[in-house]
Amino acid sequence: MGINSEIIHGHDLLAVERFKDATHHMIIFDILSRNTPYGEKGQRMRLFLTEYEYSQAQTAHKQREIKILRHASIIEGHIVPDKKHKRRNARK
């Protein structure tokens, strides 16, 4: 089963988890392993996470169980996407 980028499982954009005081992160990721508590291999997920849950997700990413595609900070329920790093243009 391949990764289906059109369907995102997990938390909806207006999920109650987004507005909890302890929530500080949102990630969108693909599940790469069958041995993960996040869902089934091949699914794309969105989750709103606490600091502890985010550190667990980072560990799963390092162990190649999931691949984190996007991260955003959550500040008082607002989604603040990470800033993209601009590449320096070699030609001027």
N, C-alpha and C. Protein backbone atom coordinates (compact mmCIF):
# COMPACT_ATOMS: atom_id res chain seq x y z
N MET A 1 0.84 -1.18 0.00
CA MET A 1 0.00 0.00 0.00
C MET A 1 0.89 1.24 0.00
N GLY A 2 0.70 2.15 -0.93
CA GLY A 2 1.51 3.36 -1.01
C GLY A 2 0.97 4.47 -0.14
N ILE A 3 1.77 5.50 0.01
CA ILE A 3 1.37 6.67 0.80
C ILE A 3 0.33 7.45 0.01
N ASN A 4 -0.80 7.74 0.64
CA ASN A 4 -1.86 8.52 0.00
C ASN A 4 -1.86 9.91 0.59
N SER A 5 -1.31 10.87 -0.14
CA SER A 5 -1.16 12.22 0.37
C SER A 5 -2.47 13.02 0.37
N GLU A 6 -3.52 12.48 -0.21
CA GLU A 6 -4.78 13.22 -0.26
C GLU A 6 -5.61 13.03 1.00
N ILE A 7 -5.43 11.91 1.69
CA ILE A 7 -6.21 11.63 2.89
C ILE A 7 -5.30 11.78 4.11
N ILE A 8 -5.70 12.64 5.03
CA ILE A 8 -4.95 12.82 6.27
C ILE A 8 -5.80 12.29 7.41
N HIS A 9 -5.26 11.31 8.13
CA HIS A 9 -5.94 10.73 9.28
C HIS A 9 -5.50 11.48 10.54
N GLY A 10 -6.09 11.16 11.65
CA GLY A 10 -5.67 11.76 12.92
C GLY A 10 -6.57 12.93 13.28
N HIS A 11 -5.96 13.97 13.82
CA HIS A 11 -6.71 15.12 14.30
C HIS A 11 -7.16 16.04 13.17
N ASP A 12 -8.38 16.48 13.26
CA ASP A 12 -8.93 17.49 12.35
C ASP A 12 -8.32 18.84 12.71
N LEU A 13 -8.32 19.78 11.79
CA LEU A 13 -7.74 21.10 12.07
C LEU A 13 -8.42 21.81 13.24
N LEU A 14 -9.66 21.49 13.54
CA LEU A 14 -10.35 22.12 14.66
C LEU A 14 -10.50 21.18 15.85
N ALA A 15 -9.66 20.17 15.93
CA ALA A 15 -9.72 19.19 17.02
C ALA A 15 -9.52 19.88 18.37
N VAL A 16 -10.17 19.36 19.38
CA VAL A 16 -10.07 19.93 20.73
C VAL A 16 -8.62 19.90 21.24
N GLU A 17 -7.82 18.93 20.80
CA GLU A 17 -6.42 18.84 21.22
C GLU A 17 -5.64 20.10 20.87
N ARG A 18 -5.99 20.74 19.78
CA ARG A 18 -5.31 21.95 19.34
C ARG A 18 -5.43 23.08 20.36
N PHE A 19 -6.50 23.10 21.11
CA PHE A 19 -6.79 24.22 22.00
C PHE A 19 -6.46 23.95 23.46
N LYS A 20 -5.90 22.78 23.76
CA LYS A 20 -5.50 22.48 25.13
C LYS A 20 -4.24 23.26 25.48
N ASP A 21 -4.13 23.68 26.75
CA ASP A 21 -2.99 24.48 27.19
C ASP A 21 -1.65 23.79 26.98
N ALA A 22 -1.61 22.47 27.12
CA ALA A 22 -0.35 21.73 27.01
C ALA A 22 0.08 21.48 25.57
N THR A 23 -0.78 21.76 24.60
CA THR A 23 -0.45 21.49 23.19
C THR A 23 0.47 22.59 22.65
N HIS A 24 1.61 22.16 22.11
CA HIS A 24 2.60 23.11 21.58
C HIS A 24 3.08 22.78 20.17
N HIS A 25 2.65 21.63 19.62
CA HIS A 25 3.16 21.21 18.32
C HIS A 25 2.06 20.58 17.48
N MET A 26 2.17 20.77 16.16
CA MET A 26 1.35 20.03 15.20
C MET A 26 2.32 19.43 14.20
N ILE A 27 2.14 18.15 13.92
CA ILE A 27 2.97 17.53 12.89
C ILE A 27 2.07 16.79 11.90
N ILE A 28 2.55 16.74 10.67
CA ILE A 28 1.96 15.90 9.64
C ILE A 28 3.07 14.94 9.25
N PHE A 29 2.73 13.65 9.25
CA PHE A 29 3.76 12.65 9.01
C PHE A 29 3.19 11.43 8.31
N ASP A 30 4.08 10.69 7.67
CA ASP A 30 3.73 9.41 7.05
C ASP A 30 4.18 8.29 7.97
N ILE A 31 3.37 7.24 8.05
CA ILE A 31 3.71 6.07 8.85
C ILE A 31 4.46 5.10 7.95
N LEU A 32 5.69 4.77 8.34
CA LEU A 32 6.56 3.93 7.52
C LEU A 32 6.67 2.50 8.04
N SER A 33 6.29 2.27 9.29
CA SER A 33 6.48 0.97 9.92
C SER A 33 5.14 0.38 10.37
N ARG A 34 5.10 -0.92 10.42
CA ARG A 34 3.90 -1.59 10.94
C ARG A 34 3.90 -1.60 12.46
N ASN A 35 5.04 -1.34 13.06
CA ASN A 35 5.18 -1.38 14.51
C ASN A 35 5.12 0.03 15.09
N THR A 36 4.02 0.70 14.95
CA THR A 36 3.89 2.05 15.49
C THR A 36 2.50 2.23 16.10
N PRO A 37 2.41 2.96 17.20
CA PRO A 37 1.11 3.19 17.83
C PRO A 37 0.29 4.27 17.12
N TYR A 38 0.84 4.90 16.10
CA TYR A 38 0.18 6.04 15.46
C TYR A 38 -0.91 5.64 14.46
N GLY A 39 -0.81 4.48 13.88
CA GLY A 39 -1.77 4.08 12.86
C GLY A 39 -1.18 2.97 12.01
N GLU A 40 -1.68 2.86 10.80
CA GLU A 40 -1.25 1.79 9.90
C GLU A 40 -0.22 2.29 8.90
N LYS A 41 0.69 1.40 8.54
CA LYS A 41 1.71 1.71 7.55
C LYS A 41 1.03 2.25 6.28
N GLY A 42 1.57 3.34 5.76
CA GLY A 42 1.03 3.94 4.54
C GLY A 42 0.08 5.11 4.79
N GLN A 43 -0.35 5.31 6.03
CA GLN A 43 -1.26 6.42 6.33
C GLN A 43 -0.48 7.72 6.51
N ARG A 44 -1.13 8.81 6.18
CA ARG A 44 -0.61 10.14 6.48
C ARG A 44 -1.45 10.67 7.64
N MET A 45 -0.77 11.19 8.67
CA MET A 45 -1.44 11.60 9.91
C MET A 45 -1.15 13.06 10.24
N ARG A 46 -2.10 13.68 10.94
CA ARG A 46 -1.91 15.00 11.54
C ARG A 46 -2.22 14.84 13.03
N LEU A 47 -1.30 15.29 13.89
CA LEU A 47 -1.54 15.23 15.32
C LEU A 47 -1.13 16.54 15.97
N PHE A 48 -1.88 16.92 16.99
CA PHE A 48 -1.53 18.05 17.86
C PHE A 48 -0.95 17.44 19.12
N LEU A 49 0.25 17.88 19.52
CA LEU A 49 1.02 17.17 20.54
C LEU A 49 1.54 18.08 21.65
N THR A 50 1.72 17.48 22.83
CA THR A 50 2.41 18.13 23.93
C THR A 50 3.91 18.03 23.68
N GLU A 51 4.71 18.66 24.53
CA GLU A 51 6.17 18.56 24.39
C GLU A 51 6.62 17.11 24.49
N TYR A 52 6.08 16.38 25.46
CA TYR A 52 6.47 14.98 25.65
C TYR A 52 6.08 14.13 24.43
N GLU A 53 4.86 14.30 23.96
CA GLU A 53 4.40 13.54 22.79
C GLU A 53 5.23 13.87 21.55
N TYR A 54 5.62 15.14 21.41
CA TYR A 54 6.45 15.55 20.28
C TYR A 54 7.83 14.90 20.36
N SER A 55 8.38 14.81 21.57
CA SER A 55 9.70 14.16 21.71
C SER A 55 9.59 12.68 21.35
N GLN A 56 8.46 12.04 21.68
CA GLN A 56 8.25 10.64 21.29
C GLN A 56 8.16 10.52 19.77
N ALA A 57 7.48 11.46 19.13
CA ALA A 57 7.36 11.45 17.66
C ALA A 57 8.73 11.65 17.01
N GLN A 58 9.55 12.54 17.59
CA GLN A 58 10.89 12.75 17.05
C GLN A 58 11.72 11.46 17.15
N THR A 59 11.57 10.74 18.25
CA THR A 59 12.27 9.47 18.41
C THR A 59 11.80 8.47 17.35
N ALA A 60 10.49 8.40 17.13
CA ALA A 60 9.95 7.50 16.09
C ALA A 60 10.46 7.90 14.71
N HIS A 61 10.63 9.20 14.47
CA HIS A 61 11.17 9.70 13.20
C HIS A 61 12.63 9.23 13.05
N LYS A 62 13.42 9.38 14.11
CA LYS A 62 14.83 8.97 14.06
C LYS A 62 14.97 7.46 13.86
N GLN A 63 14.00 6.70 14.38
CA GLN A 63 14.03 5.25 14.23
C GLN A 63 13.36 4.80 12.93
N ARG A 64 12.97 5.76 12.10
CA ARG A 64 12.37 5.52 10.79
C ARG A 64 11.04 4.75 10.85
N GLU A 65 10.32 4.95 11.96
CA GLU A 65 8.97 4.40 12.06
C GLU A 65 7.97 5.34 11.39
N ILE A 66 8.26 6.64 11.47
CA ILE A 66 7.45 7.66 10.82
C ILE A 66 8.39 8.63 10.11
N LYS A 67 7.83 9.41 9.19
CA LYS A 67 8.60 10.47 8.54
C LYS A 67 7.81 11.77 8.74
N ILE A 68 8.36 12.67 9.55
CA ILE A 68 7.71 13.95 9.80
C ILE A 68 7.89 14.82 8.57
N LEU A 69 6.77 15.25 7.99
CA LEU A 69 6.79 16.05 6.77
C LEU A 69 6.69 17.55 7.07
N ARG A 70 5.85 17.88 8.04
CA ARG A 70 5.65 19.28 8.41
C ARG A 70 5.49 19.42 9.91
N HIS A 71 5.96 20.55 10.42
CA HIS A 71 5.83 20.87 11.83
C HIS A 71 5.35 22.32 11.93
N ALA A 72 4.52 22.58 12.92
CA ALA A 72 4.11 23.94 13.24
C ALA A 72 4.01 24.05 14.75
N SER A 73 4.28 25.22 15.26
CA SER A 73 4.08 25.48 16.69
C SER A 73 2.62 25.83 16.90
N ILE A 74 2.11 25.51 18.08
CA ILE A 74 0.75 25.88 18.45
C ILE A 74 0.86 26.86 19.61
N ILE A 75 0.34 28.06 19.40
CA ILE A 75 0.37 29.10 20.42
C ILE A 75 -1.06 29.55 20.66
N GLU A 76 -1.58 29.22 21.84
CA GLU A 76 -2.96 29.55 22.21
C GLU A 76 -3.96 29.13 21.13
N GLY A 77 -3.76 27.94 20.57
CA GLY A 77 -4.66 27.40 19.55
C GLY A 77 -4.35 27.84 18.13
N HIS A 78 -3.45 28.79 17.97
CA HIS A 78 -3.08 29.26 16.64
C HIS A 78 -1.95 28.40 16.08
N ILE A 79 -2.08 28.05 14.81
CA ILE A 79 -1.05 27.27 14.13
C ILE A 79 -0.04 28.24 13.53
N VAL A 80 1.22 28.11 13.96
CA VAL A 80 2.29 28.98 13.49
C VAL A 80 3.30 28.09 12.75
N PRO A 81 3.21 28.05 11.40
CA PRO A 81 4.12 27.19 10.63
C PRO A 81 5.58 27.58 10.83
N ASP A 82 6.45 26.58 10.79
CA ASP A 82 7.88 26.86 10.85
C ASP A 82 8.27 27.68 9.64
N LYS A 83 9.22 28.58 9.83
CA LYS A 83 9.70 29.39 8.70
C LYS A 83 10.63 28.54 7.85
N LYS A 84 10.48 28.68 6.54
CA LYS A 84 11.37 27.98 5.62
C LYS A 84 12.67 28.75 5.54
N HIS A 85 13.75 28.00 5.49
CA HIS A 85 15.06 28.61 5.35
C HIS A 85 15.27 29.01 3.90
N LYS A 86 15.67 30.25 3.69
CA LYS A 86 15.93 30.71 2.33
C LYS A 86 17.33 30.27 1.92
N ARG A 87 17.41 29.78 0.70
CA ARG A 87 18.72 29.40 0.15
C ARG A 87 19.41 30.66 -0.33
N ARG A 88 20.67 30.68 -0.09
CA ARG A 88 21.46 31.80 -0.60
C ARG A 88 21.66 31.60 -2.09
N ASN A 89 21.44 32.64 -2.84
CA ASN A 89 21.61 32.58 -4.27
C ASN A 89 23.09 32.74 -4.59
N ALA A 90 23.65 31.75 -5.25
CA ALA A 90 25.09 31.77 -5.58
C ALA A 90 25.39 32.85 -6.61
N ARG A 91 24.41 33.15 -7.45
CA ARG A 91 24.62 34.18 -8.47
C ARG A 91 23.99 35.48 -8.01
N LYS A 92 24.67 36.57 -8.22
CA LYS A 92 24.13 37.88 -7.86
C LYS A 92 24.18 38.80 -9.03
